[in-house]
Structure formats: structure tokens, C-alpha cells
Amino acid sequence: MLGHVFLGRYETFKRLGHGSMGEVFLALDRLQPRQVVVKVMAKKLAGEERFREMFGREMQFMARFRHPHAVELYEASLTEPGGPCIVMEYVPGASLEQILQRHRVLHHERVGALLTQLCMALNAAHSSGIVHRDLKPSNMMVQNPDVPQEFLKVMDLGLALLTAKPYLALERLRGSGDITVAGTPAYVSPEQLRGDATDHRADLYSVGVMLFQLLTGRLPFADLDSDALLEAHVRRDPPKFKDVGMTQVPFGIESIVQRCLAKFPNERPQSALELAKVYRAALGWPDDMDPRWFEPVAVRPDAGTEPIPEQGSGRIQFVETLEAWMPEPIAVVKLRGFIEDAGGRVLESVPGRVRMRLGEPPPEPPKKSGIIGWLERATKTAPPPPTEPPIEPMEIDLHMTKKASQPQNRLELRVVCRALSGPLPNDPRWHGRLKKLMIDLRGYVMAQR
């Protein structure tokens, strides 16, 4: 990939590294005098639907969010001949992981300055409905490292979750594949491992792991194999600082770290802003932070989000709105049951929307060869001729939005039905079919109109 020109303007000249999804290169922008970072999906993954979907989500979330302490997205493409790619701001300096490798332990006041900047970015992201879900030292870039003017920027929103729009993974709705856990094992939150609904407080657990590491020089659950590590996140209390040989950190600082590492979200600080305030108070620093730094500078409209059509527009002739209490792990089970019982299949799942198709004829079984197949075909009676034409298959879009003013896990569901070609026919069978589908869907999700 060295020397390749992506998107007609970004020429790679240095390989920076690689991760689970691809390679990262430093490139020159031919149209502007600047260096950029190009992240390219691995070719072996580019053809797999699940990984293309994850890569596409990274583009969507990064394009949506802007903040001085977050790496900026410039451009992206899923159809670039060199491979799906993301072009990002280049941040010169060192990652927090590299700084740890040089120093092993950071002073608690230096940690406080870096934490304040991290919390600014996180609070702004969380207020926009974005949860990172993969915070770790290698995802933190520090400009001007090892001097008082250190400036931190958060990278890699590849596992980000837009909390305002429920996301039901396609492989889970189709009932195929294992349910995977997002995040890096050393930093993943207990609720992600339990399969519970995840919100912004999962990021604060990951921050707690990083704080423990920065202040003590080791992870809270070190020297464990993968299974034991995940079990420790869910069940074991982290060690005290004195038990790992660290006695120079004030007790007030340690207690904040232990709060972040609580097993349940309601026991942690409830926002990144609160975490920054209590840490700074423990240092004796004044509460003089500008609240504007904890807000997004800009939040672009959702990339790739389709507007919900109105009744009777184009091919749409049926729209219905429901409300239901439905945590996301339960939503997967309920919607899978509805789709399977309705004889449908899932076409697509993106944050806030599931698209399905109903009414397609089942695939014909393969014809048997030989004498047995000939006998079956010879003795098979022909089906009676249809007395009326079959009902055309339909597509259904299920738009899901969390109700911010309602109790947790309350969703608004807007059901949009369309024929595959042309408007829904003026056929009484269609109306009966739609009425039954809505009754069945309400029954599955225990919804109210």
C-alpha cells in the first residue's frame, strides 16, 4: 500500500501500524499541504458483511462528532479500489501507551491534567449519544508529550455505539454466529460482558482501568488468561493500591479510581464531567473549568440516515407508531421471534433501523436424482391451480428511537411498510395482512399505540 493514492488525493508514504481490522498509514494530501492518517480495512475482511458493517459504523460516528480533544474525520469510502478507508487528522506526538512504556507510572497531578482533557471529549460525545466502548491507552494521542502543555486527543470510534438509536447486530437478528463482546479485554466493562444494556458509564469503567494503570504501573487484573480476566471484570474487586506496592497516591484519588471500577454503572461517577470535577477536587484544584469544553463543538446530521417517510408518499402507504419497553438484548429475541413466525428475513440492520422482507416464497428443495427422485416426481400430484393471484411480498422498516423523557429502555417504534414495486395494492387481503402483522408485532414487543 505504500505509494498508493486513496480517493484520488492521499498518497501513503509510511506504515504506522496495524490492528484487528486493517492497516494504518501516514499519507500526504496532494490538494492541501498537510499529512493525514489513512486507515485501510484488511482485504481478507473487506468482503465479510459483519466487518464492513463495523467499518461503516466507524465512518458514521466519526463524521457525526467534532471536538478539539477528538481526532477529526476528513473523508471516507467503502468503495475505494485500494480497500475501504477512513482519512483522519494526523496527530503528531505519542500515544498514551508509548508514554507508559517510557515512564511506567505517571504522577497523579499529570494524570489529572490528562484526565480533564479526556473527560471533556467523553462528556461531549456522551451528550451527543455516542459511547466509545474501546477506550485504552493506545487510543489516546498526546501532542507535546512530557511537557506541561500536553494536549490529548481521543482516537478510534470503531466500536462506538450511538445510544440514542438502538443497534441490533445483524448476525444476532438472523440467529447466526456467536454474540461477541465489543472492546479490548483488559479494559472492557462488566455490563458488556454480562450482555446488559450499555450506556456512557461503560466508558467510565474503561477510564477507571486506565487510571489504575497510569497511577500504579499495572492493570488491576494482571497476569490472567483471557477467561480469568473476563471473569475478574465481572466478579472480582480490584486490588488496593498498597497491595500492588503503590503508596504515594493520595487516598482520595484511589477512592475515585475504585468508584470508576464498580461492577454496576449506578455505583460509578454518573458523567465524565462529574469524574473530572471529583478528581480535581481531590487534588485541591479549583473548579474553574469552562463548561463549554465539555460540550460538542459541532454534531453533524447522521450520516446515511434515511428520513422516515410520511403516510402515502411514494411506495409507502402504511405507517404505524408504537411504544414499548424493550432493552436491546430483549429486543433481539423479540424481533427474531416475530420475523421467524411471520416467515420473513432480515435484509439490513443499522443504528436505529431494521429492514426486513415478508411474504417471499420459500426456496424450492433441490431435486433428487436417481430412481427415488423419479418415483417421487412421477407419483406427486399437481397442486390445484390458484383461484386468485398471490399477495406480493413486502418490505418493512422498523425505526427505533429511545424516548429521552421516558423511563430507561422505553422505545418508540415506527413501522413503515412498502410493496416491492409500486404502491401497496388496494386489495382487502393486504389490509387484513397488515392488520394481523401489527397485532402480532404489538404482542411480541408488548407495545402500546
Protein backbone atom coordinates (compact mmCIF):
# COMPACT_ATOMS: atom_id res chain seq x y z
CA MET A 1 0.00 0.00 0.00
CA LEU A 2 2.98 2.39 0.21
CA GLY A 3 2.72 4.89 -2.63
CA HIS A 4 -0.97 4.14 -3.22
CA VAL A 5 -3.19 7.19 -3.76
CA PHE A 6 -6.50 6.87 -1.92
CA LEU A 7 -9.58 8.80 -3.02
CA GLY A 8 -7.53 10.45 -5.73
CA ARG A 9 -5.52 12.66 -3.36
CA TYR A 10 -3.98 10.90 -0.30
CA GLU A 11 -0.63 9.24 -1.13
CA THR A 12 0.69 6.87 1.54
CA PHE A 13 4.39 7.01 2.37
CA LYS A 14 4.78 5.37 5.81
CA ARG A 15 3.14 2.45 7.58
CA LEU A 16 2.19 3.39 11.15
CA GLY A 17 0.86 0.04 12.33
CA HIS A 18 -2.00 -2.41 12.09
CA GLY A 19 -4.95 -3.56 14.15
CA SER A 20 -7.66 -6.18 14.13
CA MET A 21 -9.46 -4.56 11.18
CA GLY A 22 -6.66 -3.31 8.97
CA GLU A 23 -3.56 -1.19 8.48
CA VAL A 24 -2.81 2.45 9.25
CA PHE A 25 -0.65 4.65 7.03
CA LEU A 26 0.72 8.17 7.07
CA ALA A 27 -0.10 9.97 3.81
CA LEU A 28 0.38 13.29 2.04
CA ASP A 29 -2.65 15.23 0.85
CA ARG A 30 -1.96 16.25 -2.75
CA LEU A 31 -4.54 19.05 -2.60
CA GLN A 32 -3.54 20.64 0.71
CA PRO A 33 -0.12 20.94 2.39
CA ARG A 34 -0.82 18.53 5.23
CA GLN A 35 -0.20 15.00 6.42
CA VAL A 36 -3.12 12.70 7.16
CA VAL A 37 -3.71 9.22 8.52
CA VAL A 38 -5.34 6.63 6.25
CA LYS A 39 -6.91 3.59 7.90
CA VAL A 40 -7.50 0.75 5.41
CA MET A 41 -9.64 -2.30 6.08
CA ALA A 42 -7.81 -5.61 5.71
CA LYS A 43 -8.62 -7.20 2.35
CA LYS A 44 -9.45 -10.53 3.94
CA LEU A 45 -12.19 -8.79 5.93
CA ALA A 46 -13.44 -6.36 3.30
CA GLY A 47 -15.75 -8.97 1.77
CA GLU A 48 -17.29 -10.02 5.09
CA GLU A 49 -20.59 -8.32 5.80
CA ARG A 50 -20.10 -8.05 9.57
CA PHE A 51 -16.76 -6.28 9.33
CA ARG A 52 -17.87 -3.96 6.52
CA GLU A 53 -20.81 -3.06 8.71
CA MET A 54 -18.50 -2.25 11.66
CA PHE A 55 -16.21 -0.23 9.40
CA GLY A 56 -19.21 1.68 8.05
CA ARG A 57 -20.35 2.48 11.59
CA GLU A 58 -16.90 3.91 12.35
CA MET A 59 -17.28 6.30 9.44
CA GLN A 60 -20.78 7.30 10.50
CA PHE A 61 -19.90 8.02 14.11
CA MET A 62 -16.64 9.84 13.37
CA ALA A 63 -18.32 12.02 10.74
CA ARG A 64 -21.02 12.94 13.23
CA PHE A 65 -18.84 14.27 16.04
CA ARG A 66 -16.43 17.20 16.37
CA HIS A 67 -14.42 18.26 19.43
CA PRO A 68 -10.91 19.73 19.99
CA HIS A 69 -9.94 16.64 22.05
CA ALA A 70 -11.15 14.12 19.45
CA VAL A 71 -9.39 13.15 16.21
CA GLU A 72 -11.26 14.59 13.23
CA LEU A 73 -12.50 12.60 10.24
CA TYR A 74 -11.78 14.20 6.85
CA GLU A 75 -13.11 11.70 4.32
CA ALA A 76 -14.11 8.05 3.99
CA SER A 77 -15.17 5.48 1.42
CA LEU A 78 -16.37 1.88 1.35
CA THR A 79 -15.79 1.60 -2.43
CA GLU A 80 -12.16 2.80 -2.76
CA PRO A 81 -10.30 0.35 -5.11
CA GLY A 82 -7.42 0.12 -2.61
CA GLY A 83 -9.89 -1.01 0.05
CA PRO A 84 -12.47 0.65 2.30
CA CYS A 85 -10.69 3.52 4.03
CA ILE A 86 -11.00 6.35 6.51
CA VAL A 87 -8.90 9.51 6.22
CA MET A 88 -8.29 11.18 9.58
CA GLU A 89 -6.43 14.05 11.16
CA TYR A 90 -2.76 13.31 11.82
CA VAL A 91 -1.81 13.97 15.44
CA PRO A 92 1.98 14.20 15.93
CA GLY A 93 3.22 13.13 19.31
CA ALA A 94 2.96 9.85 21.22
CA SER A 95 0.17 7.57 22.30
CA LEU A 96 -0.55 7.23 25.99
CA GLU A 97 0.60 3.62 25.64
CA GLN A 98 4.01 4.78 24.40
CA ILE A 99 4.24 7.28 27.26
CA LEU A 100 3.51 4.47 29.73
CA GLN A 101 6.23 2.34 28.17
CA ARG A 102 8.73 5.17 28.77
CA HIS A 103 7.70 6.08 32.32
CA ARG A 104 5.67 3.09 33.68
CA VAL A 105 3.95 5.34 36.27
CA LEU A 106 2.68 8.93 35.92
CA HIS A 107 2.32 11.41 38.77
CA HIS A 108 -1.26 11.83 39.96
CA GLU A 109 -1.27 15.56 39.06
CA ARG A 110 -0.14 14.85 35.50
CA VAL A 111 -2.83 12.19 35.30
CA GLY A 112 -5.35 14.81 36.50
CA ALA A 113 -4.45 17.17 33.65
CA LEU A 114 -4.77 14.41 31.03
CA LEU A 115 -7.97 13.08 32.61
CA THR A 116 -9.58 16.53 32.46
CA GLN A 117 -8.99 16.67 28.70
CA LEU A 118 -10.23 13.11 28.18
CA CYS A 119 -13.37 13.85 30.18
CA MET A 120 -14.03 16.93 28.05
CA ALA A 121 -14.13 14.79 24.90
CA LEU A 122 -16.10 11.99 26.55
CA ASN A 123 -18.71 14.26 28.09
CA ALA A 124 -19.24 15.95 24.73
CA ALA A 125 -19.55 12.56 22.99
CA HIS A 126 -21.88 11.16 25.62
CA SER A 127 -24.12 14.24 25.46
CA SER A 128 -24.40 13.56 21.70
CA GLY A 129 -25.45 9.97 22.36
CA ILE A 130 -22.08 8.43 21.44
CA VAL A 131 -20.34 5.83 23.63
CA HIS A 132 -16.78 4.90 22.61
CA ARG A 133 -16.69 1.33 24.09
CA ASP A 134 -12.98 0.75 23.36
CA LEU A 135 -11.07 3.29 25.45
CA LYS A 136 -7.46 2.28 26.16
CA PRO A 137 -4.04 4.00 26.20
CA SER A 138 -3.29 3.13 22.57
CA ASN A 139 -6.40 5.10 21.54
CA MET A 140 -5.18 8.28 23.25
CA MET A 141 -2.76 10.52 21.31
CA VAL A 142 -0.81 13.16 23.25
CA GLN A 143 0.66 16.16 21.48
CA ASN A 144 3.71 17.75 23.10
CA PRO A 145 4.30 14.75 25.39
CA ASP A 146 6.30 15.10 28.61
CA VAL A 147 5.86 18.89 28.80
CA PRO A 148 3.26 20.93 30.74
CA GLN A 149 1.40 21.78 27.50
CA GLU A 150 0.38 18.17 26.79
CA PHE A 151 -2.75 18.04 24.62
CA LEU A 152 -4.76 14.79 24.47
CA LYS A 153 -6.94 13.61 21.59
CA VAL A 154 -9.20 10.53 21.56
CA MET A 155 -8.95 8.22 18.53
CA ASP A 156 -10.74 5.22 17.06
CA LEU A 157 -14.50 5.28 17.29
CA GLY A 158 -14.66 1.90 15.53
CA LEU A 159 -16.69 0.29 18.30
CA ALA A 160 -18.73 3.37 19.09
CA LEU A 161 -22.39 2.98 19.94
CA LEU A 162 -24.92 5.66 19.20
CA THR A 163 -27.03 5.28 22.32
CA ALA A 164 -29.93 7.39 21.08
CA LYS A 165 -30.52 4.81 18.34
CA PRO A 166 -30.66 1.14 19.35
CA TYR A 167 -28.41 -1.11 17.29
CA LEU A 168 -29.33 -4.77 16.90
CA ALA A 169 -26.47 -6.70 15.27
CA LEU A 170 -27.46 -8.37 12.02
CA GLU A 171 -25.96 -11.76 12.93
CA ARG A 172 -27.95 -11.79 16.18
CA LEU A 173 -31.25 -10.99 14.42
CA ARG A 174 -30.55 -13.77 11.92
CA GLY A 175 -29.72 -16.18 14.72
CA SER A 176 -26.29 -16.96 13.29
CA GLY A 177 -22.87 -16.59 14.87
CA ASP A 178 -21.88 -16.07 18.46
CA ILE A 179 -22.76 -12.96 20.40
CA THR A 180 -19.48 -11.10 20.50
CA VAL A 181 -18.26 -8.68 23.13
CA ALA A 182 -17.05 -5.31 21.88
CA GLY A 183 -13.96 -3.80 23.42
CA THR A 184 -10.45 -4.80 24.47
CA PRO A 185 -10.49 -7.49 27.23
CA ALA A 186 -8.22 -5.62 29.66
CA TYR A 187 -10.49 -2.53 29.61
CA VAL A 188 -13.98 -3.91 28.91
CA SER A 189 -16.80 -3.13 31.35
CA PRO A 190 -18.67 -5.80 33.35
CA GLU A 191 -22.02 -4.90 31.77
CA GLN A 192 -20.64 -5.52 28.28
CA LEU A 193 -19.53 -8.99 29.42
CA ARG A 194 -22.86 -9.69 31.11
CA GLY A 195 -24.72 -8.73 27.94
CA ASP A 196 -26.58 -5.93 29.73
CA ALA A 197 -27.65 -2.71 28.06
CA THR A 198 -24.62 -0.42 27.74
CA ASP A 199 -24.55 3.33 28.19
CA HIS A 200 -21.90 6.05 28.67
CA ARG A 201 -20.93 4.72 32.11
CA ALA A 202 -19.23 1.73 30.43
CA ASP A 203 -16.65 4.22 29.14
CA LEU A 204 -16.08 5.44 32.71
CA TYR A 205 -15.20 1.88 33.77
CA SER A 206 -12.58 1.76 30.99
CA VAL A 207 -11.28 5.14 32.19
CA GLY A 208 -11.01 3.61 35.68
CA VAL A 209 -8.84 0.80 34.32
CA MET A 210 -6.60 3.35 32.59
CA LEU A 211 -6.34 5.46 35.76
CA PHE A 212 -5.33 2.38 37.76
CA GLN A 213 -2.69 1.60 35.14
CA LEU A 214 -1.34 5.16 34.91
CA LEU A 215 -1.07 5.55 38.68
CA THR A 216 0.26 2.10 39.64
CA GLY A 217 2.12 0.90 36.54
CA ARG A 218 -0.03 -2.20 36.14
CA LEU A 219 -3.54 -3.26 35.20
CA PRO A 220 -6.00 -4.02 38.01
CA PHE A 221 -6.30 -7.64 36.83
CA ALA A 222 -2.82 -8.51 35.59
CA ASP A 223 -1.24 -11.85 34.64
CA LEU A 224 -4.55 -13.61 33.97
CA ASP A 225 -5.51 -15.68 30.96
CA SER A 226 -8.39 -14.39 28.84
CA ASP A 227 -11.18 -16.35 30.56
CA ALA A 228 -9.95 -15.49 34.06
CA LEU A 229 -9.56 -11.84 33.06
CA LEU A 230 -13.14 -11.55 31.85
CA GLU A 231 -14.38 -13.34 34.98
CA ALA A 232 -12.41 -10.89 37.15
CA HIS A 233 -14.04 -7.88 35.49
CA VAL A 234 -17.46 -9.29 36.36
CA ARG A 235 -16.83 -10.71 39.86
CA ARG A 236 -13.53 -9.67 41.47
CA ASP A 237 -12.78 -6.44 43.31
CA PRO A 238 -9.68 -4.62 42.04
CA PRO A 239 -6.70 -4.67 44.42
CA LYS A 240 -5.90 -1.77 46.71
CA PHE A 241 -3.01 0.46 45.63
CA LYS A 242 -0.95 -0.55 48.67
CA ASP A 243 -1.33 -4.22 47.71
CA VAL A 244 0.45 -3.54 44.40
CA GLY A 245 3.24 -1.51 46.02
CA MET A 246 1.89 1.97 45.32
CA THR A 247 1.64 4.13 48.44
CA GLN A 248 2.43 7.61 47.06
CA VAL A 249 -1.06 8.22 45.60
CA PRO A 250 -3.44 10.12 47.93
CA PHE A 251 -6.31 8.04 49.27
CA GLY A 252 -8.88 10.43 47.79
CA ILE A 253 -7.52 9.74 44.30
CA GLU A 254 -7.53 5.99 44.86
CA SER A 255 -11.15 6.06 46.05
CA ILE A 256 -12.20 7.78 42.82
CA VAL A 257 -10.44 5.09 40.76
CA GLN A 258 -12.17 2.38 42.79
CA ARG A 259 -15.54 4.08 42.15
CA CYS A 260 -14.92 4.02 38.41
CA LEU A 261 -14.19 0.27 38.68
CA ALA A 262 -17.50 -0.53 40.36
CA LYS A 263 -19.26 -3.55 38.85
CA PHE A 264 -22.54 -1.74 38.23
CA PRO A 265 -22.95 1.58 36.39
CA ASN A 266 -25.06 3.31 39.06
CA GLU A 267 -22.16 2.93 41.53
CA ARG A 268 -19.72 4.87 39.32
CA PRO A 269 -19.50 8.61 38.64
CA GLN A 270 -22.55 9.32 36.52
CA SER A 271 -20.84 11.50 33.93
CA ALA A 272 -17.37 12.33 32.63
CA LEU A 273 -17.89 15.88 33.88
CA GLU A 274 -18.54 14.59 37.41
CA LEU A 275 -15.42 12.40 37.22
CA ALA A 276 -13.25 15.37 36.19
CA LYS A 277 -14.67 17.50 39.00
CA VAL A 278 -14.17 14.97 41.80
CA TYR A 279 -10.62 14.10 40.66
CA ARG A 280 -9.65 17.78 40.50
CA ALA A 281 -11.25 18.39 43.92
CA ALA A 282 -9.18 15.51 45.36
CA LEU A 283 -6.07 17.31 44.05
CA GLY A 284 -7.20 20.55 45.64
CA TRP A 285 -7.57 22.24 42.24
CA PRO A 286 -10.20 24.97 41.77
CA ASP A 287 -13.44 24.21 39.94
CA ASP A 288 -12.70 26.72 37.19
CA MET A 289 -13.26 24.53 34.11
CA ASP A 290 -15.15 26.19 31.26
CA PRO A 291 -18.34 24.10 30.77
CA ARG A 292 -18.23 24.78 27.03
CA TRP A 293 -15.23 22.45 26.76
CA PHE A 294 -17.48 19.59 27.88
CA GLU A 295 -19.93 20.13 25.01
CA PRO A 296 -19.57 19.12 21.34
CA VAL A 297 -18.35 21.91 19.12
CA ALA A 298 -20.42 20.51 16.27
CA VAL A 299 -22.56 17.45 15.71
CA ARG A 300 -23.27 16.80 12.06
CA PRO A 301 -26.54 15.17 10.94
CA ASP A 302 -26.47 11.39 10.98
CA ALA A 303 -24.51 10.06 8.03
CA GLY A 304 -26.54 7.63 5.95
CA THR A 305 -29.72 8.00 7.98
CA GLU A 306 -32.89 7.93 5.92
CA PRO A 307 -35.79 10.23 6.83
CA ILE A 308 -38.90 8.39 7.96
CA PRO A 309 -41.44 8.77 5.12
CA GLU A 310 -44.92 10.07 5.66
CA GLN A 311 -48.14 8.17 5.01
CA GLY A 312 -48.89 7.80 1.31
CA SER A 313 -45.54 9.08 -0.01
CA GLY A 314 -44.14 7.17 -2.99
CA ARG A 315 -44.47 3.43 -2.40
CA ILE A 316 -45.34 3.96 1.30
CA GLN A 317 -48.99 3.52 2.16
CA PHE A 318 -48.86 2.19 5.69
CA VAL A 319 -47.10 3.74 8.69
CA GLU A 320 -47.82 2.95 12.35
CA THR A 321 -46.17 4.15 15.56
CA LEU A 322 -45.85 2.07 18.74
CA GLU A 323 -44.15 2.45 22.10
CA ALA A 324 -42.60 -0.44 24.02
CA TRP A 325 -40.34 -1.19 26.96
CA MET A 326 -37.57 -3.12 25.26
CA PRO A 327 -33.93 -3.30 26.42
CA GLU A 328 -31.74 -4.09 23.43
CA PRO A 329 -30.78 -7.68 24.42
CA ILE A 330 -34.50 -8.44 24.81
CA ALA A 331 -35.35 -6.60 21.57
CA VAL A 332 -33.16 -9.05 19.63
CA VAL A 333 -35.06 -12.05 20.99
CA LYS A 334 -38.49 -10.48 20.46
CA LEU A 335 -37.87 -9.31 16.91
CA ARG A 336 -36.25 -12.59 15.89
CA GLY A 337 -39.36 -14.40 17.07
CA PHE A 338 -41.66 -12.03 15.19
CA ILE A 339 -39.65 -12.28 11.96
CA GLU A 340 -39.38 -16.06 12.08
CA ASP A 341 -43.08 -16.56 12.83
CA ALA A 342 -44.03 -14.14 10.05
CA GLY A 343 -41.91 -16.13 7.60
CA GLY A 344 -39.60 -13.20 6.91
CA ARG A 345 -35.89 -12.49 6.74
CA VAL A 346 -33.71 -9.57 7.83
CA LEU A 347 -32.12 -7.60 5.00
CA GLU A 348 -30.24 -4.93 6.93
CA SER A 349 -29.67 -3.61 10.44
CA VAL A 350 -28.13 -0.19 11.13
CA PRO A 351 -28.33 2.00 14.23
CA GLY A 352 -31.97 2.96 14.66
CA ARG A 353 -33.42 0.80 11.87
CA VAL A 354 -34.06 -2.84 10.98
CA ARG A 355 -35.21 -3.69 7.43
CA MET A 356 -36.98 -7.00 6.80
CA ARG A 357 -38.84 -8.70 3.96
CA LEU A 358 -42.01 -10.76 4.39
CA GLY A 359 -44.06 -12.97 2.09
CA GLU A 360 -41.34 -14.39 -0.13
CA PRO A 361 -41.98 -17.97 -1.26
CA PRO A 362 -39.69 -20.49 0.44
CA PRO A 363 -36.83 -21.77 -1.70
CA GLU A 364 -37.56 -24.99 -3.55
CA PRO A 365 -35.72 -28.02 -2.20
CA PRO A 366 -33.08 -29.47 -4.54
CA LYS A 367 -34.37 -32.12 -6.90
CA LYS A 368 -33.40 -35.68 -6.04
CA SER A 369 -31.67 -37.72 -8.69
CA GLY A 370 -31.90 -41.41 -9.47
CA ILE A 371 -34.80 -43.82 -9.18
CA ILE A 372 -36.10 -42.44 -5.86
CA GLY A 373 -36.30 -38.93 -7.28
CA TRP A 374 -38.02 -40.20 -10.45
CA LEU A 375 -40.60 -42.13 -8.41
CA GLU A 376 -41.35 -39.10 -6.23
CA ARG A 377 -41.84 -36.87 -9.26
CA ALA A 378 -43.95 -39.47 -11.05
CA THR A 379 -46.32 -40.02 -8.11
CA LYS A 380 -46.51 -36.39 -6.97
CA THR A 381 -49.92 -34.85 -7.55
CA ALA A 382 -50.00 -31.45 -9.17
CA PRO A 383 -51.09 -28.58 -6.90
CA PRO A 384 -54.52 -27.13 -7.63
CA PRO A 385 -54.43 -24.02 -9.82
CA PRO A 386 -54.60 -20.81 -7.80
CA THR A 387 -58.01 -19.22 -7.68
CA GLU A 388 -56.54 -15.72 -7.13
CA PRO A 389 -53.09 -14.19 -7.57
CA PRO A 390 -50.72 -14.45 -4.59
CA ILE A 391 -50.08 -11.45 -2.38
CA GLU A 392 -46.88 -9.67 -3.36
CA PRO A 393 -44.02 -9.73 -0.81
CA MET A 394 -43.47 -6.57 1.21
CA GLU A 395 -40.61 -4.82 2.96
CA ILE A 396 -40.90 -3.40 6.46
CA ASP A 397 -38.62 -0.80 8.02
CA LEU A 398 -38.69 -0.73 11.80
CA HIS A 399 -37.34 2.63 13.00
CA MET A 400 -36.33 2.65 16.69
CA THR A 401 -35.67 5.71 18.84
CA LYS A 402 -35.07 5.87 22.58
CA LYS A 403 -37.51 8.13 24.39
CA ALA A 404 -35.28 10.54 26.29
CA SER A 405 -38.09 11.79 28.54
CA GLN A 406 -39.34 8.30 29.34
CA PRO A 407 -38.04 5.59 31.72
CA GLN A 408 -34.91 3.77 30.62
CA ASN A 409 -35.26 1.29 27.74
CA ARG A 410 -38.52 2.86 26.51
CA LEU A 411 -38.52 2.83 22.71
CA GLU A 412 -40.62 4.48 20.05
CA LEU A 413 -41.10 2.12 17.12
CA ARG A 414 -42.27 3.43 13.77
CA VAL A 415 -43.28 0.68 11.34
CA VAL A 416 -43.12 1.56 7.64
CA CYS A 417 -44.49 -0.99 5.12
CA ARG A 418 -43.88 -0.90 1.38
CA ALA A 419 -44.54 -3.11 -1.61
CA LEU A 420 -41.52 -4.24 -3.58
CA SER A 421 -42.77 -2.36 -6.66
CA GLY A 422 -45.38 0.34 -6.90
CA PRO A 423 -47.86 1.31 -4.18
CA LEU A 424 -49.49 -1.22 -1.90
CA PRO A 425 -52.41 -2.60 -3.93
CA ASN A 426 -55.97 -1.74 -2.99
CA ASP A 427 -56.66 -5.33 -2.01
CA PRO A 428 -58.66 -6.34 1.10
CA ARG A 429 -56.18 -9.18 1.67
CA TRP A 430 -53.39 -6.60 2.04
CA HIS A 431 -55.30 -4.73 4.73
CA GLY A 432 -56.03 -7.94 6.59
CA ARG A 433 -52.42 -8.99 6.36
CA LEU A 434 -51.14 -5.63 7.62
CA LYS A 435 -53.63 -5.61 10.49
CA LYS A 436 -52.53 -9.09 11.58
CA LEU A 437 -48.83 -8.14 11.34
CA MET A 438 -49.35 -5.13 13.58
CA ILE A 439 -51.31 -7.20 16.11
CA ASP A 440 -48.54 -9.82 16.11
CA LEU A 441 -45.79 -7.20 16.44
CA ARG A 442 -47.56 -5.48 19.35
CA GLY A 443 -47.90 -8.85 21.02
CA TYR A 444 -44.20 -9.63 20.63
CA VAL A 445 -42.93 -6.31 21.91
CA MET A 446 -45.82 -5.71 24.37
CA ALA A 447 -46.31 -2.33 22.74
CA GLN A 448 -48.93 0.36 23.16
CA ARG A 449 -50.17 2.53 20.34
